Every structure is written in C-alpha cells, then in structure tokens.
Amino acid sequence: MRRFAIALLAVLATWPAVRGEQAAPAAAPPGLLLDTVKGQIEIQLFQTDAPKSVAHILGLAKRNFYRGFRVHRVTAGLVQFGDPATRNMTLIDSWGTGNSQTPIGVAEISKKRLHVRGAVGLAHSGDARYADSQIYIMKAASPGLDGKHAVIGQVTKGLAIVDKLVKTDLIKNVTPK
C-alpha cells in the first residue's frame, strides 16, 4: 500500500493544478484576419477537418501572398478573392483564373462542414484536389456546393463587412490570427 501511495504522489506531483500552478491555456484554433477596404473580417479555421488546406492557406497568409489583392467575384451567394492578377486592373477580364501555382493536392471535403452563411471555402475549376489560393466566403447558404468544395473555416466577426464587398474592393492583407 505504501508503494502505491508513493507512486500516486509522484504522478500527482507532475500535475500543475496539484502543485498550485495554472495549466497552460489550450491553444486557440488557427484563424485569419482579413483587412479589407470596408473593414476587418475574422475567420476561425477548421484545422482538424482540413489540415493540409488550412496549412496551405496559413502559409500563404504568413508570406503576405494576399496583400493588395482585389475581390474578383461577387454573387448573391458569395464573395471570392485569391487571384494575383487582381493587383492589375488592366487584367480585369481574366481575373479569377490565377492562383499561387502550388495546388493543395488533396480534397479535404467534410460532410459535417456545410456551405452555410459565413462558411469559408476553397474554389477550384473542377477538381477539388487542385484548389489553391482562391478563397470564397458564403453570403447565403448554398447546399449545392456541399460535397464539391472544401469548407476550411467560418467567419466569426465581420459578416456584415462581407455583405458590403463588391468586385474590385481591395483586400489590404490577410494575416494569420
């Protein structure tokens, strides 16, 4: 019995709360801060559901890839950006065709992440494995996109800003949060 008590005390001594210390706070889920000409938008990313996609977008954001881009597509249901050509207004007719030239290579489509208002997804031109830098934010639910595009996040603040964005609006920068 004494050995058990000593072993138990040894284990308990490693626990911060038993020693009167605070446990380290759990890391917040990764996110993005979109600084637009109309205001800021905060996005929580779904790293567990789409780890490679989230890592890819965070990597682009860390390199300031999105700095100075413009919104290139706006419909009643979504707002989209992520084409480097949008830095050049004379190329407006071809906006939406460019990317970072490093596709993710995997389609991380989750049945639990749906295209609801505020959902953040990855655009592609027919094969979700080739999604790259183009991101869209849903202004309205679109169940027809479910199962076809990876949903990598959700707007947590600034959905009213999303609603105000129009084609050619400036994305000042996108930074990890």
Protein backbone atom coordinates (compact mmCIF):
# COMPACT_ATOMS: atom_id res chain seq x y z
CA MET A 1 0.00 0.00 0.00
CA ARG A 2 2.84 2.37 0.81
CA ARG A 3 4.40 1.86 -2.66
CA PHE A 4 1.06 2.66 -4.25
CA ALA A 5 0.74 5.86 -2.23
CA ILE A 6 4.27 6.94 -3.15
CA ALA A 7 3.63 6.21 -6.84
CA LEU A 8 0.35 8.12 -6.71
CA LEU A 9 2.02 11.12 -5.10
CA ALA A 10 4.74 11.05 -7.76
CA VAL A 11 2.12 11.15 -10.52
CA LEU A 12 0.09 13.87 -8.84
CA ALA A 13 3.22 15.98 -8.35
CA THR A 14 3.52 16.25 -12.14
CA TRP A 15 0.05 17.77 -12.48
CA PRO A 16 0.17 21.58 -12.44
CA ALA A 17 -3.12 22.06 -10.57
CA VAL A 18 -1.98 19.80 -7.72
CA ARG A 19 1.20 21.88 -7.37
CA GLY A 20 -0.92 25.04 -7.23
CA GLU A 21 0.07 26.14 -10.76
CA GLN A 22 -2.13 27.10 -13.64
CA ALA A 23 -2.23 24.68 -16.54
CA ALA A 24 -1.14 26.19 -19.85
CA PRO A 25 -4.18 27.50 -21.72
CA ALA A 26 -5.32 25.43 -24.64
CA ALA A 27 -4.13 26.85 -27.94
CA ALA A 28 -6.80 28.78 -29.78
CA PRO A 29 -7.79 27.32 -33.12
CA PRO A 30 -5.96 28.93 -36.02
CA GLY A 31 -7.62 31.79 -37.79
CA LEU A 32 -7.26 34.53 -40.36
CA LEU A 33 -7.74 38.26 -40.19
CA LEU A 34 -8.83 39.81 -43.48
CA ASP A 35 -8.16 43.52 -43.59
CA THR A 36 -10.32 44.92 -46.38
CA VAL A 37 -11.09 48.42 -47.61
CA LYS A 38 -14.54 48.04 -46.00
CA GLY A 39 -13.32 46.71 -42.62
CA GLN A 40 -11.97 43.60 -40.93
CA ILE A 41 -13.23 40.03 -41.14
CA GLU A 42 -12.16 37.34 -38.67
CA ILE A 43 -12.22 33.68 -39.63
CA GLN A 44 -11.82 30.57 -37.50
CA LEU A 45 -10.14 27.79 -39.49
CA PHE A 46 -11.11 24.11 -39.27
CA GLN A 47 -7.64 22.63 -38.91
CA THR A 48 -8.91 19.24 -37.74
CA ASP A 49 -11.21 18.80 -40.74
CA ALA A 50 -8.89 20.18 -43.42
CA PRO A 51 -5.31 20.16 -42.08
CA LYS A 52 -3.46 20.40 -45.41
CA SER A 53 -5.80 23.04 -46.80
CA VAL A 54 -5.58 25.15 -43.64
CA ALA A 55 -1.79 24.81 -43.53
CA HIS A 56 -1.59 25.88 -47.18
CA ILE A 57 -3.73 29.00 -46.68
CA LEU A 58 -1.93 29.92 -43.45
CA GLY A 59 1.39 29.55 -45.25
CA LEU A 60 0.25 31.90 -48.00
CA ALA A 61 -1.00 34.39 -45.41
CA LYS A 62 2.29 34.26 -43.49
CA ARG A 63 4.11 35.19 -46.72
CA ASN A 64 1.71 38.13 -47.32
CA PHE A 65 0.58 36.44 -50.54
CA TYR A 66 -2.85 38.12 -50.41
CA ARG A 67 -1.55 41.68 -49.79
CA GLY A 68 -3.11 44.08 -52.29
CA PHE A 69 -5.44 41.59 -53.98
CA ARG A 70 -8.93 42.58 -55.02
CA VAL A 71 -12.24 40.83 -54.76
CA HIS A 72 -12.75 39.27 -58.19
CA ARG A 73 -16.15 37.60 -57.86
CA VAL A 74 -19.31 38.67 -56.08
CA THR A 75 -22.68 36.97 -56.42
CA ALA A 76 -25.80 36.98 -54.29
CA GLY A 77 -24.35 33.95 -52.51
CA LEU A 78 -20.61 34.55 -52.15
CA VAL A 79 -17.54 36.78 -52.29
CA GLN A 80 -14.27 35.41 -53.74
CA PHE A 81 -10.63 36.52 -53.87
CA GLY A 82 -7.17 34.99 -54.19
CA ASP A 83 -6.02 35.63 -57.77
CA PRO A 84 -2.68 37.51 -58.02
CA ALA A 85 -3.78 39.08 -61.33
CA THR A 86 -6.25 41.23 -59.37
CA ARG A 87 -3.38 43.52 -58.44
CA ASN A 88 -3.51 44.72 -62.04
CA MET A 89 -6.74 46.48 -63.02
CA THR A 90 -5.92 46.14 -66.74
CA LEU A 91 -6.27 42.33 -66.40
CA ILE A 92 -9.82 42.50 -65.02
CA ASP A 93 -11.19 40.34 -67.86
CA SER A 94 -9.02 37.41 -66.76
CA TRP A 95 -9.48 37.78 -63.01
CA GLY A 96 -10.36 34.53 -61.28
CA THR A 97 -8.07 32.32 -63.35
CA GLY A 98 -4.85 32.71 -61.34
CA ASN A 99 -3.50 31.19 -58.16
CA SER A 100 -0.24 30.61 -56.25
CA GLN A 101 0.84 27.78 -58.59
CA THR A 102 1.01 25.33 -55.65
CA PRO A 103 -2.25 23.36 -55.50
CA ILE A 104 -3.05 21.58 -52.28
CA GLY A 105 -3.25 18.18 -53.98
CA VAL A 106 -5.97 16.72 -51.78
CA ALA A 107 -9.72 17.29 -51.49
CA GLU A 108 -10.48 17.68 -47.79
CA ILE A 109 -14.25 17.68 -48.08
CA SER A 110 -16.09 17.03 -44.82
CA LYS A 111 -19.74 16.02 -44.61
CA LYS A 112 -20.06 17.96 -41.35
CA ARG A 113 -18.85 21.28 -42.83
CA LEU A 114 -21.60 22.75 -44.98
CA HIS A 115 -21.92 25.82 -47.18
CA VAL A 116 -23.91 27.91 -44.72
CA ARG A 117 -23.81 31.70 -44.41
CA GLY A 118 -20.30 32.68 -43.28
CA ALA A 119 -18.64 29.43 -44.37
CA VAL A 120 -15.20 29.85 -45.93
CA GLY A 121 -14.28 27.51 -48.77
CA LEU A 122 -11.67 26.85 -51.41
CA ALA A 123 -12.51 27.49 -55.04
CA HIS A 124 -11.35 25.20 -57.84
CA SER A 125 -12.07 24.76 -61.51
CA GLY A 126 -13.48 21.25 -61.47
CA ASP A 127 -11.29 19.07 -59.23
CA ALA A 128 -11.12 19.88 -55.51
CA ARG A 129 -7.59 18.43 -55.33
CA TYR A 130 -6.39 21.40 -57.37
CA ALA A 131 -7.77 24.08 -55.06
CA ASP A 132 -5.05 26.59 -54.27
CA SER A 133 -5.20 30.23 -53.17
CA GLN A 134 -8.72 31.28 -54.12
CA ILE A 135 -10.99 31.61 -51.11
CA TYR A 136 -14.70 32.33 -51.03
CA ILE A 137 -16.98 33.40 -48.20
CA MET A 138 -20.65 32.44 -48.31
CA LYS A 139 -23.13 35.31 -48.06
CA ALA A 140 -26.01 32.82 -48.19
CA ALA A 141 -26.33 29.07 -47.76
CA SER A 142 -25.65 27.04 -50.89
CA PRO A 143 -26.25 23.31 -50.33
CA GLY A 144 -25.41 22.65 -53.99
CA LEU A 145 -21.73 23.26 -53.15
CA ASP A 146 -21.71 20.72 -50.31
CA GLY A 147 -19.53 17.73 -51.12
CA LYS A 148 -17.85 19.56 -54.01
CA HIS A 149 -15.63 22.11 -52.25
CA ALA A 150 -13.64 22.03 -49.01
CA VAL A 151 -15.04 24.25 -46.27
CA ILE A 152 -11.98 25.35 -44.29
CA GLY A 153 -13.44 27.88 -41.89
CA GLN A 154 -16.22 30.12 -40.66
CA VAL A 155 -16.48 33.89 -40.28
CA THR A 156 -16.63 34.75 -36.57
CA LYS A 157 -16.65 38.56 -36.89
CA GLY A 158 -17.34 40.89 -39.78
CA LEU A 159 -20.05 39.09 -41.73
CA ALA A 160 -21.68 42.49 -42.33
CA ILE A 161 -18.40 43.55 -43.99
CA VAL A 162 -18.59 40.51 -46.29
CA ASP A 163 -22.06 41.64 -47.37
CA LYS A 164 -20.70 45.09 -48.33
CA LEU A 165 -17.82 43.88 -50.51
CA VAL A 166 -18.09 44.43 -54.26
CA LYS A 167 -15.93 43.39 -57.19
CA THR A 168 -12.63 45.35 -57.24
CA ASP A 169 -12.70 46.08 -53.49
CA LEU A 170 -9.19 45.90 -52.05
CA ILE A 171 -8.04 43.15 -49.72
CA LYS A 172 -5.31 45.09 -47.89
CA ASN A 173 -3.88 41.92 -46.37
CA VAL A 174 -4.72 38.52 -44.92
CA THR A 175 -2.77 37.55 -41.80
CA PRO A 176 -2.80 34.51 -39.51
CA LYS A 177 -4.62 35.08 -36.24
